[in-house]
Amino acid sequence: MTDEDSSPAVLLASVAVSVCDAWSDPDTRRDQVLAYWRASFGSPPGLLLAAAERVAALPLPVSDAVKDIERMARFRDLTGATSPEEELVAIIDARALLEDLAREFG
């Protein structure tokens, strides 16, 4: 892990993706990300926008091989795991959430 990997913007971006993966309710997502931003960093201006920009640099989920799609879908159904497509949606939602919060809070 490099210093850039552990920068506040990358950490907040990662948390936002995790929050969007864990909760579908927009208000819960917003509250969780704001709480982390305030508690962990003290609400510095510019960090929300920097985190939104850093979302694009986070690793993307690896899609299933075509031959494994059905088997992996059954496995995910049994275990409650998220699919690569759901993970990608969480990444997109996290960036949009961080951009919205940046417009609101700076």
Protein backbone atom coordinates (compact mmCIF):
# COMPACT_ATOMS: atom_id res chain seq x y z
CA MET A 1 0.00 0.00 0.00
CA THR A 2 1.36 3.39 -0.97
CA ASP A 3 0.77 6.69 0.80
CA GLU A 4 -1.58 7.61 -2.02
CA ASP A 5 -3.62 4.43 -1.38
CA SER A 6 -4.18 5.53 2.21
CA SER A 7 -4.89 9.20 1.53
CA PRO A 8 -8.05 10.61 3.12
CA ALA A 9 -9.68 10.94 -0.32
CA VAL A 10 -9.06 7.28 -1.18
CA LEU A 11 -10.24 6.14 2.24
CA LEU A 12 -13.44 8.18 1.97
CA ALA A 13 -14.01 6.92 -1.58
CA SER A 14 -13.62 3.32 -0.38
CA VAL A 15 -16.02 3.89 2.50
CA ALA A 16 -18.59 5.45 0.17
CA VAL A 17 -18.42 2.41 -2.13
CA SER A 18 -18.81 0.06 0.85
CA VAL A 19 -21.76 2.06 2.16
CA CYS A 20 -23.45 2.02 -1.26
CA ASP A 21 -22.87 -1.72 -1.48
CA ALA A 22 -24.31 -2.35 1.98
CA TRP A 23 -27.36 -0.04 1.95
CA SER A 24 -29.82 0.77 -0.81
CA ASP A 25 -31.66 3.56 1.04
CA PRO A 26 -30.34 6.95 -0.17
CA ASP A 27 -30.83 8.63 3.22
CA THR A 28 -28.91 5.90 5.03
CA ARG A 29 -26.10 6.10 2.49
CA ARG A 30 -25.92 9.87 2.86
CA ASP A 31 -25.96 9.73 6.67
CA GLN A 32 -23.30 7.02 6.84
CA VAL A 33 -20.88 8.79 4.48
CA LEU A 34 -21.38 12.16 6.18
CA ALA A 35 -20.86 10.59 9.61
CA TYR A 36 -17.59 8.99 8.47
CA TRP A 37 -16.40 12.22 6.81
CA ARG A 38 -17.09 14.23 9.95
CA ALA A 39 -15.85 11.70 12.52
CA SER A 40 -12.72 10.61 10.69
CA PHE A 41 -11.58 13.80 9.03
CA GLY A 42 -13.37 16.69 10.71
CA SER A 43 -15.35 17.82 7.63
CA PRO A 44 -12.54 19.46 5.65
CA PRO A 45 -13.75 21.35 2.57
CA GLY A 46 -12.72 19.79 -0.71
CA LEU A 47 -12.35 16.24 0.61
CA LEU A 48 -15.75 15.08 -0.65
CA LEU A 49 -14.96 16.22 -4.19
CA ALA A 50 -11.46 14.73 -4.01
CA ALA A 51 -12.99 11.44 -2.87
CA ALA A 52 -15.48 11.52 -5.75
CA GLU A 53 -12.57 11.95 -8.16
CA ARG A 54 -10.64 9.09 -6.51
CA VAL A 55 -13.53 6.64 -6.95
CA ALA A 56 -12.47 6.30 -10.59
CA ALA A 57 -9.04 5.03 -9.48
CA LEU A 58 -10.42 2.29 -7.22
CA PRO A 59 -10.12 -1.29 -8.49
CA LEU A 60 -13.04 -2.46 -10.58
CA PRO A 61 -14.77 -5.75 -9.85
CA VAL A 62 -13.70 -8.71 -11.93
CA SER A 63 -16.53 -10.11 -14.01
CA ASP A 64 -17.26 -13.81 -14.02
CA ALA A 65 -16.06 -15.95 -16.87
CA VAL A 66 -18.93 -16.82 -19.20
CA LYS A 67 -18.67 -20.51 -18.30
CA ASP A 68 -19.01 -19.66 -14.58
CA ILE A 69 -21.89 -17.18 -14.65
CA GLU A 70 -24.69 -19.59 -13.70
CA ARG A 71 -22.64 -21.37 -11.04
CA MET A 72 -21.51 -18.09 -9.48
CA ALA A 73 -25.08 -16.74 -9.52
CA ARG A 74 -26.25 -19.80 -7.56
CA PHE A 75 -23.34 -19.39 -5.14
CA ARG A 76 -24.18 -15.70 -4.61
CA ASP A 77 -27.82 -16.56 -4.02
CA LEU A 78 -26.81 -19.05 -1.32
CA THR A 79 -24.25 -16.82 0.37
CA GLY A 80 -25.75 -13.36 -0.16
CA ALA A 81 -22.58 -12.20 -1.93
CA THR A 82 -22.78 -9.35 -4.41
CA SER A 83 -22.20 -9.80 -8.11
CA PRO A 84 -19.59 -7.85 -10.07
CA GLU A 85 -22.46 -5.93 -11.65
CA GLU A 86 -23.84 -4.97 -8.23
CA GLU A 87 -20.35 -3.92 -7.13
CA LEU A 88 -20.02 -1.73 -10.22
CA VAL A 89 -23.38 -0.10 -9.46
CA ALA A 90 -22.13 0.62 -5.91
CA ILE A 91 -19.04 2.32 -7.38
CA ILE A 92 -21.16 4.48 -9.69
CA ASP A 93 -23.59 5.32 -6.87
CA ALA A 94 -20.72 6.21 -4.53
CA ARG A 95 -19.26 8.68 -6.98
CA ALA A 96 -22.65 10.31 -7.55
CA LEU A 97 -23.27 10.49 -3.79
CA LEU A 98 -19.87 12.06 -3.11
CA GLU A 99 -20.39 14.59 -5.92
CA ASP A 100 -23.81 15.53 -4.50
CA LEU A 101 -22.38 15.90 -0.99
CA ALA A 102 -19.48 17.97 -2.34
CA ARG A 103 -21.92 20.39 -3.96
CA GLU A 104 -23.84 20.65 -0.71
CA PHE A 105 -20.99 20.80 1.83
CA GLY A 106 -17.96 21.89 -0.19
